[in-house]
Full PDB file with SEQRES, HELIX, SHEET, SSBOND, CRYST1, ORIGX, SCALE, CONECT and MASTER records, all heavy atoms in Angstrom:
SEQRES   1 A   39  GLN ILE ARG LYS ALA ALA LYS ALA TYR GLY VAL VAL TYR          
SEQRES   2 A   39  GLU ARG GLN LYS GLN PRO ASN GLY ASP ALA GLY ASP ASP          
SEQRES   3 A   39  TYR THR ILE ASN HIS SER ALA TYR LEU TYR VAL ILE GLY          
HELIX    1 AA1 ILE A    2  TYR A    9  1                                   8    
SHEET    1 AA1 2 TYR A  13  ASP A  22  0                                        
SHEET    2 AA1 2 ASP A  25  HIS A  31 -1                                        
CRYST1    1.000    1.000    1.000  90.00  90.00  90.00 P 1           1          
ORIGX1      1.000000  0.000000  0.000000        0.00000                         
ORIGX2      0.000000  1.000000  0.000000        0.00000                         
ORIGX3      0.000000  0.000000  1.000000        0.00000                         
SCALE1      1.000000  0.000000  0.000000        0.00000                         
SCALE2      0.000000  1.000000  0.000000        0.00000                         
SCALE3      0.000000  0.000000  1.000000        0.00000                         
ATOM      1  N   GLN A   1     143.810 140.931  25.776  1.00  0.00           N  
ATOM      2  CA  GLN A   1     143.591 140.474  27.120  1.00  0.00           C  
ATOM      3  C   GLN A   1     143.197 141.651  28.030  1.00  0.00           C  
ATOM      4  O   GLN A   1     142.338 141.529  28.863  1.00  0.00           O  
ATOM      5  CB  GLN A   1     144.873 139.857  27.677  1.00  0.00           C  
ATOM      6  CG  GLN A   1     145.261 138.564  27.024  1.00  0.00           C  
ATOM      7  CD  GLN A   1     146.646 138.087  27.430  1.00  0.00           C  
ATOM      8  OE1 GLN A   1     147.612 138.889  27.477  1.00  0.00           O  
ATOM      9  NE2 GLN A   1     146.701 136.807  27.743  1.00  0.00           N  
ATOM     10  N   ILE A   2     143.859 142.788  27.816  1.00  0.00           N  
ATOM     11  CA  ILE A   2     143.553 143.970  28.621  1.00  0.00           C  
ATOM     12  C   ILE A   2     142.150 144.470  28.327  1.00  0.00           C  
ATOM     13  O   ILE A   2     141.367 144.803  29.239  1.00  0.00           O  
ATOM     14  CB  ILE A   2     144.639 145.056  28.421  1.00  0.00           C  
ATOM     15  CG1 ILE A   2     145.958 144.582  29.040  1.00  0.00           C  
ATOM     16  CG2 ILE A   2     144.173 146.388  29.070  1.00  0.00           C  
ATOM     17  CD1 ILE A   2     147.165 145.381  28.641  1.00  0.00           C  
ATOM     18  N   ARG A   3     141.810 144.484  27.047  1.00  0.00           N  
ATOM     19  CA  ARG A   3     140.434 144.887  26.642  1.00  0.00           C  
ATOM     20  C   ARG A   3     139.384 144.022  27.257  1.00  0.00           C  
ATOM     21  O   ARG A   3     138.387 144.505  27.809  1.00  0.00           O  
ATOM     22  CB  ARG A   3     140.259 144.872  25.095  1.00  0.00           C  
ATOM     23  CG  ARG A   3     140.715 146.118  24.405  1.00  0.00           C  
ATOM     24  CD  ARG A   3     140.205 146.185  22.977  1.00  0.00           C  
ATOM     25  NE  ARG A   3     140.793 145.098  22.175  1.00  0.00           N  
ATOM     26  CZ  ARG A   3     142.002 145.141  21.662  1.00  0.00           C  
ATOM     27  NH1 ARG A   3     142.778 146.220  21.804  1.00  0.00           N  
ATOM     28  NH2 ARG A   3     142.496 144.139  20.903  1.00  0.00           N  
ATOM     29  N   LYS A   4     139.637 142.741  27.295  1.00  0.00           N  
ATOM     30  CA  LYS A   4     138.690 141.790  27.893  1.00  0.00           C  
ATOM     31  C   LYS A   4     138.570 142.027  29.377  1.00  0.00           C  
ATOM     32  O   LYS A   4     137.422 142.045  29.914  1.00  0.00           O  
ATOM     33  CB  LYS A   4     139.163 140.333  27.623  1.00  0.00           C  
ATOM     34  CG  LYS A   4     138.216 139.300  28.098  1.00  0.00           C  
ATOM     35  CD  LYS A   4     138.681 137.885  27.730  1.00  0.00           C  
ATOM     36  CE  LYS A   4     137.731 136.838  28.287  1.00  0.00           C  
ATOM     37  NZ  LYS A   4     138.244 135.486  28.072  1.00  0.00           N  
ATOM     38  N   ALA A   5     139.659 142.170  30.080  1.00  0.00           N  
ATOM     39  CA  ALA A   5     139.618 142.436  31.515  1.00  0.00           C  
ATOM     40  C   ALA A   5     138.977 143.796  31.834  1.00  0.00           C  
ATOM     41  O   ALA A   5     138.112 143.861  32.705  1.00  0.00           O  
ATOM     42  CB  ALA A   5     141.051 142.391  32.103  1.00  0.00           C  
ATOM     43  N   ALA A   6     139.297 144.776  31.065  1.00  0.00           N  
ATOM     44  CA  ALA A   6     138.669 146.118  31.275  1.00  0.00           C  
ATOM     45  C   ALA A   6     137.197 146.053  31.046  1.00  0.00           C  
ATOM     46  O   ALA A   6     136.418 146.601  31.839  1.00  0.00           O  
ATOM     47  CB  ALA A   6     139.358 147.129  30.357  1.00  0.00           C  
ATOM     48  N   LYS A   7     136.773 145.400  29.985  1.00  0.00           N  
ATOM     49  CA  LYS A   7     135.375 145.265  29.692  1.00  0.00           C  
ATOM     50  C   LYS A   7     134.619 144.570  30.822  1.00  0.00           C  
ATOM     51  O   LYS A   7     133.486 144.944  31.145  1.00  0.00           O  
ATOM     52  CB  LYS A   7     135.157 144.539  28.397  1.00  0.00           C  
ATOM     53  CG  LYS A   7     133.702 144.455  27.953  1.00  0.00           C  
ATOM     54  CD  LYS A   7     133.563 143.737  26.607  1.00  0.00           C  
ATOM     55  CE  LYS A   7     132.090 143.645  26.238  1.00  0.00           C  
ATOM     56  NZ  LYS A   7     131.902 142.884  24.992  1.00  0.00           N  
ATOM     57  N   ALA A   8     135.200 143.588  31.414  1.00  0.00           N  
ATOM     58  CA  ALA A   8     134.582 142.826  32.493  1.00  0.00           C  
ATOM     59  C   ALA A   8     134.262 143.732  33.705  1.00  0.00           C  
ATOM     60  O   ALA A   8     133.279 143.450  34.422  1.00  0.00           O  
ATOM     61  CB  ALA A   8     135.443 141.690  32.922  1.00  0.00           C  
ATOM     62  N   TYR A   9     135.037 144.786  33.873  1.00  0.00           N  
ATOM     63  CA  TYR A   9     134.838 145.713  35.020  1.00  0.00           C  
ATOM     64  C   TYR A   9     134.204 147.042  34.566  1.00  0.00           C  
ATOM     65  O   TYR A   9     134.063 147.962  35.372  1.00  0.00           O  
ATOM     66  CB  TYR A   9     136.182 145.953  35.757  1.00  0.00           C  
ATOM     67  CG  TYR A   9     136.624 144.742  36.431  1.00  0.00           C  
ATOM     68  CD1 TYR A   9     137.444 143.780  35.860  1.00  0.00           C  
ATOM     69  CD2 TYR A   9     136.159 144.476  37.752  1.00  0.00           C  
ATOM     70  CE1 TYR A   9     137.810 142.665  36.516  1.00  0.00           C  
ATOM     71  CE2 TYR A   9     136.512 143.307  38.400  1.00  0.00           C  
ATOM     72  CZ  TYR A   9     137.356 142.394  37.792  1.00  0.00           C  
ATOM     73  OH  TYR A   9     137.703 141.259  38.426  1.00  0.00           O  
ATOM     74  N   GLY A  10     133.867 147.193  33.282  1.00  0.00           N  
ATOM     75  CA  GLY A  10     133.255 148.399  32.840  1.00  0.00           C  
ATOM     76  C   GLY A  10     134.282 149.546  32.747  1.00  0.00           C  
ATOM     77  O   GLY A  10     133.892 150.723  32.726  1.00  0.00           O  
ATOM     78  N   VAL A  11     135.545 149.216  32.641  1.00  0.00           N  
ATOM     79  CA  VAL A  11     136.609 150.242  32.512  1.00  0.00           C  
ATOM     80  C   VAL A  11     136.630 150.726  31.081  1.00  0.00           C  
ATOM     81  O   VAL A  11     136.652 149.966  30.114  1.00  0.00           O  
ATOM     82  CB  VAL A  11     137.978 149.669  32.873  1.00  0.00           C  
ATOM     83  CG1 VAL A  11     139.099 150.630  32.596  1.00  0.00           C  
ATOM     84  CG2 VAL A  11     137.971 149.191  34.360  1.00  0.00           C  
ATOM     85  N   VAL A  12     136.654 152.036  30.952  1.00  0.00           N  
ATOM     86  CA  VAL A  12     136.711 152.685  29.642  1.00  0.00           C  
ATOM     87  C   VAL A  12     138.084 153.335  29.537  1.00  0.00           C  
ATOM     88  O   VAL A  12     138.554 154.028  30.478  1.00  0.00           O  
ATOM     89  CB  VAL A  12     135.591 153.763  29.517  1.00  0.00           C  
ATOM     90  CG1 VAL A  12     135.693 154.468  28.206  1.00  0.00           C  
ATOM     91  CG2 VAL A  12     134.242 153.150  29.710  1.00  0.00           C  
ATOM     92  N   TYR A  13     138.751 153.138  28.417  1.00  0.00           N  
ATOM     93  CA  TYR A  13     140.028 153.809  28.153  1.00  0.00           C  
ATOM     94  C   TYR A  13     140.227 153.978  26.673  1.00  0.00           C  
ATOM     95  O   TYR A  13     139.688 153.219  25.884  1.00  0.00           O  
ATOM     96  CB  TYR A  13     141.203 153.026  28.810  1.00  0.00           C  
ATOM     97  CG  TYR A  13     141.433 151.639  28.196  1.00  0.00           C  
ATOM     98  CD1 TYR A  13     142.447 151.486  27.212  1.00  0.00           C  
ATOM     99  CD2 TYR A  13     140.701 150.532  28.572  1.00  0.00           C  
ATOM    100  CE1 TYR A  13     142.666 150.231  26.653  1.00  0.00           C  
ATOM    101  CE2 TYR A  13     140.910 149.328  28.005  1.00  0.00           C  
ATOM    102  CZ  TYR A  13     141.898 149.172  27.058  1.00  0.00           C  
ATOM    103  OH  TYR A  13     142.152 147.915  26.534  1.00  0.00           O  
ATOM    104  N   GLU A  14     140.966 155.008  26.302  1.00  0.00           N  
ATOM    105  CA  GLU A  14     141.283 155.223  24.926  1.00  0.00           C  
ATOM    106  C   GLU A  14     142.619 155.995  24.814  1.00  0.00           C  
ATOM    107  O   GLU A  14     142.916 156.836  25.634  1.00  0.00           O  
ATOM    108  CB  GLU A  14     140.152 156.014  24.216  1.00  0.00           C  
ATOM    109  CG  GLU A  14     140.102 157.463  24.597  1.00  0.00           C  
ATOM    110  CD  GLU A  14     139.059 158.258  23.786  1.00  0.00           C  
ATOM    111  OE1 GLU A  14     138.624 157.768  22.704  1.00  0.00           O  
ATOM    112  OE2 GLU A  14     138.691 159.351  24.209  1.00  0.00           O  
ATOM    113  N   ARG A  15     143.345 155.633  23.810  1.00  0.00           N  
ATOM    114  CA  ARG A  15     144.616 156.280  23.500  1.00  0.00           C  
ATOM    115  C   ARG A  15     144.328 157.593  22.865  1.00  0.00           C  
ATOM    116  O   ARG A  15     143.476 157.641  21.916  1.00  0.00           O  
ATOM    117  CB  ARG A  15     145.439 155.364  22.617  1.00  0.00           C  
ATOM    118  CG  ARG A  15     146.826 155.775  22.343  1.00  0.00           C  
ATOM    119  CD  ARG A  15     147.535 154.683  21.623  1.00  0.00           C  
ATOM    120  NE  ARG A  15     148.771 155.166  21.074  1.00  0.00           N  
ATOM    121  CZ  ARG A  15     149.809 154.391  20.783  1.00  0.00           C  
ATOM    122  NH1 ARG A  15     149.716 153.094  20.975  1.00  0.00           N  
ATOM    123  NH2 ARG A  15     150.903 154.864  20.261  1.00  0.00           N  
ATOM    124  N   GLN A  16     144.984 158.656  23.289  1.00  0.00           N  
ATOM    125  CA  GLN A  16     144.793 159.956  22.695  1.00  0.00           C  
ATOM    126  C   GLN A  16     146.174 160.546  22.370  1.00  0.00           C  
ATOM    127  O   GLN A  16     147.032 160.654  23.190  1.00  0.00           O  
ATOM    128  CB  GLN A  16     144.055 160.890  23.669  1.00  0.00           C  
ATOM    129  CG  GLN A  16     143.782 162.245  23.086  1.00  0.00           C  
ATOM    130  CD  GLN A  16     142.983 163.094  24.040  1.00  0.00           C  
ATOM    131  OE1 GLN A  16     143.210 163.037  25.246  1.00  0.00           O  
ATOM    132  NE2 GLN A  16     142.154 163.906  23.476  1.00  0.00           N  
ATOM    133  N   LYS A  17     146.328 160.965  21.112  1.00  0.00           N  
ATOM    134  CA  LYS A  17     147.566 161.545  20.635  1.00  0.00           C  
ATOM    135  C   LYS A  17     147.776 162.886  21.310  1.00  0.00           C  
ATOM    136  O   LYS A  17     146.880 163.685  21.457  1.00  0.00           O  
ATOM    137  CB  LYS A  17     147.465 161.727  19.132  1.00  0.00           C  
ATOM    138  CG  LYS A  17     148.773 162.132  18.466  1.00  0.00           C  
ATOM    139  CD  LYS A  17     148.696 161.957  16.988  1.00  0.00           C  
ATOM    140  CE  LYS A  17     149.994 162.338  16.252  1.00  0.00           C  
ATOM    141  NZ  LYS A  17     151.182 161.696  16.725  1.00  0.00           N  
ATOM    142  N   GLN A  18     148.988 163.103  21.702  1.00  0.00           N  
ATOM    143  CA  GLN A  18     149.430 164.382  22.291  1.00  0.00           C  
ATOM    144  C   GLN A  18     150.014 165.263  21.185  1.00  0.00           C  
ATOM    145  O   GLN A  18     150.926 164.790  20.481  1.00  0.00           O  
ATOM    146  CB  GLN A  18     150.470 164.176  23.366  1.00  0.00           C  
ATOM    147  CG  GLN A  18     149.951 163.425  24.609  1.00  0.00           C  
ATOM    148  CD  GLN A  18     149.083 164.285  25.476  1.00  0.00           C  
ATOM    149  OE1 GLN A  18     147.937 164.628  25.103  1.00  0.00           O  
ATOM    150  NE2 GLN A  18     149.584 164.633  26.609  1.00  0.00           N  
ATOM    151  N   PRO A  19     149.579 166.453  21.022  1.00  0.00           N  
ATOM    152  CA  PRO A  19     150.116 167.290  19.911  1.00  0.00           C  
ATOM    153  C   PRO A  19     151.586 167.620  20.005  1.00  0.00           C  
ATOM    154  O   PRO A  19     152.222 167.703  18.989  1.00  0.00           O  
ATOM    155  CB  PRO A  19     149.270 168.546  20.037  1.00  0.00           C  
ATOM    156  CG  PRO A  19     148.658 168.564  21.371  1.00  0.00           C  
ATOM    157  CD  PRO A  19     148.578 167.154  21.832  1.00  0.00           C  
ATOM    158  N   ASN A  20     152.130 167.692  21.171  1.00  0.00           N  
ATOM    159  CA  ASN A  20     153.565 168.060  21.280  1.00  0.00           C  
ATOM    160  C   ASN A  20     154.412 166.971  21.951  1.00  0.00           C  
ATOM    161  O   ASN A  20     155.439 167.258  22.518  1.00  0.00           O  
ATOM    162  CB  ASN A  20     153.699 169.326  22.119  1.00  0.00           C  
ATOM    163  CG  ASN A  20     152.996 170.534  21.500  1.00  0.00           C  
ATOM    164  OD1 ASN A  20     153.033 170.661  20.249  1.00  0.00           O  
ATOM    165  ND2 ASN A  20     152.352 171.379  22.271  1.00  0.00           N  
ATOM    166  N   GLY A  21     153.977 165.727  21.836  1.00  0.00           N  
ATOM    167  CA  GLY A  21     154.681 164.623  22.399  1.00  0.00           C  
ATOM    168  C   GLY A  21     155.957 164.278  21.654  1.00  0.00           C  
ATOM    169  O   GLY A  21     156.071 164.624  20.478  1.00  0.00           O  
ATOM    170  N   ASP A  22     156.817 163.571  22.314  1.00  0.00           N  
ATOM    171  CA  ASP A  22     158.059 163.072  21.648  1.00  0.00           C  
ATOM    172  C   ASP A  22     157.700 161.891  20.737  1.00  0.00           C  
ATOM    173  O   ASP A  22     156.685 161.238  20.987  1.00  0.00           O  
ATOM    174  CB  ASP A  22     159.078 162.573  22.670  1.00  0.00           C  
ATOM    175  CG  ASP A  22     159.556 163.680  23.594  1.00  0.00           C  
ATOM    176  OD1 ASP A  22     159.560 164.841  23.159  1.00  0.00           O  
ATOM    177  OD2 ASP A  22     159.933 163.387  24.740  1.00  0.00           O  
ATOM    178  N   ALA A  23     158.433 161.672  19.733  1.00  0.00           N  
ATOM    179  CA  ALA A  23     158.228 160.552  18.856  1.00  0.00           C  
ATOM    180  C   ALA A  23     158.196 159.265  19.648  1.00  0.00           C  
ATOM    181  O   ALA A  23     159.072 159.010  20.474  1.00  0.00           O  
ATOM    182  CB  ALA A  23     159.283 160.507  17.757  1.00  0.00           C  
ATOM    183  N   GLY A  24     157.211 158.436  19.462  1.00  0.00           N  
ATOM    184  CA  GLY A  24     157.109 157.164  20.178  1.00  0.00           C  
ATOM    185  C   GLY A  24     156.418 157.318  21.530  1.00  0.00           C  
ATOM    186  O   GLY A  24     155.992 156.299  22.107  1.00  0.00           O  
ATOM    187  N   ASP A  25     156.367 158.457  22.048  1.00  0.00           N  
ATOM    188  CA  ASP A  25     155.747 158.717  23.349  1.00  0.00           C  
ATOM    189  C   ASP A  25     154.760 159.870  23.178  1.00  0.00           C  
ATOM    190  O   ASP A  25     154.599 160.716  24.031  1.00  0.00           O  
ATOM    191  CB  ASP A  25     156.798 159.026  24.391  1.00  0.00           C  
ATOM    192  CG  ASP A  25     156.245 158.906  25.808  1.00  0.00           C  
ATOM    193  OD1 ASP A  25     155.226 158.206  26.018  1.00  0.00           O  
ATOM    194  OD2 ASP A  25     156.851 159.482  26.734  1.00  0.00           O  
ATOM    195  N   ASP A  26     154.080 159.970  22.049  1.00  0.00           N  
ATOM    196  CA  ASP A  26     153.238 161.062  21.696  1.00  0.00           C  
ATOM    197  C   ASP A  26     151.765 160.862  22.011  1.00  0.00           C  
ATOM    198  O   ASP A  26     150.909 161.341  21.371  1.00  0.00           O  
ATOM    199  CB  ASP A  26     153.451 161.407  20.270  1.00  0.00           C  
ATOM    200  CG  ASP A  26     152.974 160.281  19.318  1.00  0.00           C  
ATOM    201  OD1 ASP A  26     152.805 159.167  19.821  1.00  0.00           O  
ATOM    202  OD2 ASP A  26     152.843 160.585  18.136  1.00  0.00           O  
ATOM    203  N   TYR A  27     151.519 160.054  23.061  1.00  0.00           N  
ATOM    204  CA  TYR A  27     150.120 159.738  23.422  1.00  0.00           C  
ATOM    205  C   TYR A  27     149.963 159.672  24.884  1.00  0.00           C  
ATOM    206  O   TYR A  27     150.899 159.498  25.659  1.00  0.00           O  
ATOM    207  CB  TYR A  27     149.604 158.485  22.735  1.00  0.00           C  
ATOM    208  CG  TYR A  27     150.297 157.221  23.223  1.00  0.00           C  
ATOM    209  CD1 TYR A  27     149.696 156.478  24.300  1.00  0.00           C  
ATOM    210  CD2 TYR A  27     151.493 156.728  22.680  1.00  0.00           C  
ATOM    211  CE1 TYR A  27     150.281 155.314  24.740  1.00  0.00           C  
ATOM    212  CE2 TYR A  27     152.060 155.562  23.142  1.00  0.00           C  
ATOM    213  CZ  TYR A  27     151.500 154.857  24.153  1.00  0.00           C  
ATOM    214  OH  TYR A  27     152.044 153.722  24.585  1.00  0.00           O  
ATOM    215  N   THR A  28     148.713 159.821  25.333  1.00  0.00           N  
ATOM    216  CA  THR A  28     148.324 159.560  26.668  1.00  0.00           C  
ATOM    217  C   THR A  28     147.149 158.610  26.597  1.00  0.00           C  
ATOM    218  O   THR A  28     146.669 158.258  25.524  1.00  0.00           O  
ATOM    219  CB  THR A  28     147.956 160.841  27.442  1.00  0.00           C  
ATOM    220  OG1 THR A  28     147.795 160.563  28.813  1.00  0.00           O  
ATOM    221  CG2 THR A  28     146.732 161.509  26.864  1.00  0.00           C  
ATOM    222  N   ILE A  29     146.686 158.167  27.759  1.00  0.00           N  
ATOM    223  CA  ILE A  29     145.523 157.304  27.810  1.00  0.00           C  
ATOM    224  C   ILE A  29     144.507 157.936  28.727  1.00  0.00           C  
ATOM    225  O   ILE A  29     144.746 158.166  29.860  1.00  0.00           O  
ATOM    226  CB  ILE A  29     145.899 155.877  28.372  1.00  0.00           C  
ATOM    227  CG1 ILE A  29     147.109 155.282  27.676  1.00  0.00           C  
ATOM    228  CG2 ILE A  29     144.697 154.977  28.408  1.00  0.00           C  
ATOM    229  CD1 ILE A  29     146.876 154.446  26.500  1.00  0.00           C  
ATOM    230  N   ASN A  30     143.381 158.217  28.117  1.00  0.00           N  
ATOM    231  CA  ASN A  30     142.216 158.667  28.919  1.00  0.00           C  
ATOM    232  C   ASN A  30     141.539 157.392  29.492  1.00  0.00           C  
ATOM    233  O   ASN A  30     141.288 156.456  28.726  1.00  0.00           O  
ATOM    234  CB  ASN A  30     141.216 159.465  28.084  1.00  0.00           C  
ATOM    235  CG  ASN A  30     141.805 160.794  27.628  1.00  0.00           C  
ATOM    236  OD1 ASN A  30     142.658 161.371  28.308  1.00  0.00           O  
ATOM    237  ND2 ASN A  30     141.384 161.255  26.485  1.00  0.00           N  
ATOM    238  N   HIS A  31     141.273 157.390  30.772  1.00  0.00           N  
ATOM    239  CA  HIS A  31     140.683 156.143  31.354  1.00  0.00           C  
ATOM    240  C   HIS A  31     139.841 156.474  32.555  1.00  0.00           C  
ATOM    241  O   HIS A  31     139.955 157.464  33.179  1.00  0.00           O  
ATOM    242  CB  HIS A  31     141.816 155.191  31.764  1.00  0.00           C  
ATOM    243  CG  HIS A  31     142.728 155.720  32.789  1.00  0.00           C  
ATOM    244  ND1 HIS A  31     142.494 155.510  34.170  1.00  0.00           N  
ATOM    245  CD2 HIS A  31     143.888 156.429  32.751  1.00  0.00           C  
ATOM    246  CE1 HIS A  31     143.444 156.080  34.894  1.00  0.00           C  
ATOM    247  NE2 HIS A  31     144.283 156.641  34.032  1.00  0.00           N  
ATOM    248  N   SER A  32     138.910 155.560  32.804  1.00  0.00           N  
ATOM    249  CA  SER A  32     138.072 155.704  34.016  1.00  0.00           C  
ATOM    250  C   SER A  32     138.950 155.383  35.195  1.00  0.00           C  
ATOM    251  O   SER A  32     139.947 154.670  35.136  1.00  0.00           O  
ATOM    252  CB  SER A  32     136.829 154.821  33.947  1.00  0.00           C  
ATOM    253  OG  SER A  32     137.188 153.475  33.630  1.00  0.00           O  
ATOM    254  N   ALA A  33     138.581 155.973  36.359  1.00  0.00           N  
ATOM    255  CA  ALA A  33     139.398 155.846  37.557  1.00  0.00           C  
ATOM    256  C   ALA A  33     138.585 155.311  38.700  1.00  0.00           C  
ATOM    257  O   ALA A  33     138.105 156.092  39.544  1.00  0.00           O  
ATOM    258  CB  ALA A  33     140.059 157.157  37.920  1.00  0.00           C  
ATOM    259  N   TYR A  34     138.433 154.017  38.792  1.00  0.00           N  
ATOM    260  CA  TYR A  34     137.714 153.388  39.864  1.00  0.00           C  
ATOM    261  C   TYR A  34     138.571 152.336  40.526  1.00  0.00           C  
ATOM    262  O   TYR A  34     139.529 151.826  39.966  1.00  0.00           O  
ATOM    263  CB  TYR A  34     136.440 152.685  39.315  1.00  0.00           C  
ATOM    264  CG  TYR A  34     135.456 153.630  38.719  1.00  0.00           C  
ATOM    265  CD1 TYR A  34     135.357 153.844  37.338  1.00  0.00           C  
ATOM    266  CD2 TYR A  34     134.570 154.333  39.547  1.00  0.00           C  
ATOM    267  CE1 TYR A  34     134.447 154.690  36.791  1.00  0.00           C  
ATOM    268  CE2 TYR A  34     133.664 155.229  38.991  1.00  0.00           C  
ATOM    269  CZ  TYR A  34     133.588 155.399  37.622  1.00  0.00           C  
ATOM    270  OH  TYR A  34     132.696 156.269  37.100  1.00  0.00           O  
ATOM    271  N   LEU A  35     138.182 152.048  41.759  1.00  0.00           N  
ATOM    272  CA  LEU A  35     138.856 150.981  42.526  1.00  0.00           C  
ATOM    273  C   LEU A  35     137.807 149.917  42.784  1.00  0.00           C  
ATOM    274  O   LEU A  35     136.719 150.225  43.310  1.00  0.00           O  
ATOM    275  CB  LEU A  35     139.362 151.562  43.858  1.00  0.00           C  
ATOM    276  CG  LEU A  35     139.963 150.510  44.802  1.00  0.00           C  
ATOM    277  CD1 LEU A  35     141.286 149.957  44.195  1.00  0.00           C  
ATOM    278  CD2 LEU A  35     140.251 151.127  46.157  1.00  0.00           C  
ATOM    279  N   TYR A  36     138.080 148.739  42.350  1.00  0.00           N  
ATOM    280  CA  TYR A  36     137.179 147.589  42.481  1.00  0.00           C  
ATOM    281  C   TYR A  36     137.600 146.730  43.663  1.00  0.00           C  
ATOM    282  O   TYR A  36     138.743 146.374  43.725  1.00  0.00           O  
ATOM    283  CB  TYR A  36     137.144 146.799  41.173  1.00  0.00           C  
ATOM    284  CG  TYR A  36     136.823 147.651  39.976  1.00  0.00           C  
ATOM    285  CD1 TYR A  36     137.812 148.263  39.254  1.00  0.00           C  
ATOM    286  CD2 TYR A  36     135.497 147.834  39.602  1.00  0.00           C  
ATOM    287  CE1 TYR A  36     137.477 149.119  38.217  1.00  0.00           C  
ATOM    288  CE2 TYR A  36     135.148 148.650  38.498  1.00  0.00           C  
ATOM    289  CZ  TYR A  36     136.179 149.290  37.843  1.00  0.00           C  
ATOM    290  OH  TYR A  36     135.828 150.081  36.759  1.00  0.00           O  
ATOM    291  N   VAL A  37     136.651 146.446  44.491  1.00  0.00           N  
ATOM    292  CA  VAL A  37     136.929 145.599  45.668  1.00  0.00           C  
ATOM    293  C   VAL A  37     136.331 144.188  45.380  1.00  0.00           C  
ATOM    294  O   VAL A  37     135.113 144.102  45.194  1.00  0.00           O  
ATOM    295  CB  VAL A  37     136.337 146.172  46.928  1.00  0.00           C  
ATOM    296  CG1 VAL A  37     136.699 145.323  48.132  1.00  0.00           C  
ATOM    297  CG2 VAL A  37     136.854 147.607  47.149  1.00  0.00           C  
ATOM    298  N   ILE A  38     137.190 143.191  45.384  1.00  0.00           N  
ATOM    299  CA  ILE A  38     136.738 141.862  45.113  1.00  0.00           C  
ATOM    300  C   ILE A  38     137.029 140.990  46.360  1.00  0.00           C  
ATOM    301  O   ILE A  38     138.162 141.015  46.872  1.00  0.00           O  
ATOM    302  CB  ILE A  38     137.505 141.265  43.901  1.00  0.00           C  
ATOM    303  CG1 ILE A  38     137.202 142.142  42.676  1.00  0.00           C  
ATOM    304  CG2 ILE A  38     137.087 139.817  43.611  1.00  0.00           C  
ATOM    305  CD1 ILE A  38     138.342 142.296  41.717  1.00  0.00           C  
ATOM    306  N   GLY A  39     136.025 140.376  46.844  1.00  0.00           N  
ATOM    307  CA  GLY A  39     136.101 139.641  48.082  1.00  0.00           C  
ATOM    308  C   GLY A  39     136.967 138.371  47.940  1.00  0.00           C  
ATOM    309  O   GLY A  39     137.279 137.900  46.825  1.00  0.00           O  
TER     310      GLY A  39                                                      
MASTER        0    0    0    1    2    0    0    6  309    1    0    3          
END                                                                             
């Protein structure tokens, strides 16, 4: 559902492993940073 919504707005995101992260929380998300205004 999130992929579909993001695609509709041209949002790009990807999960990226963190080399020194804690187990289970060893990633971040690289993402585009836009604000969409919908009337």
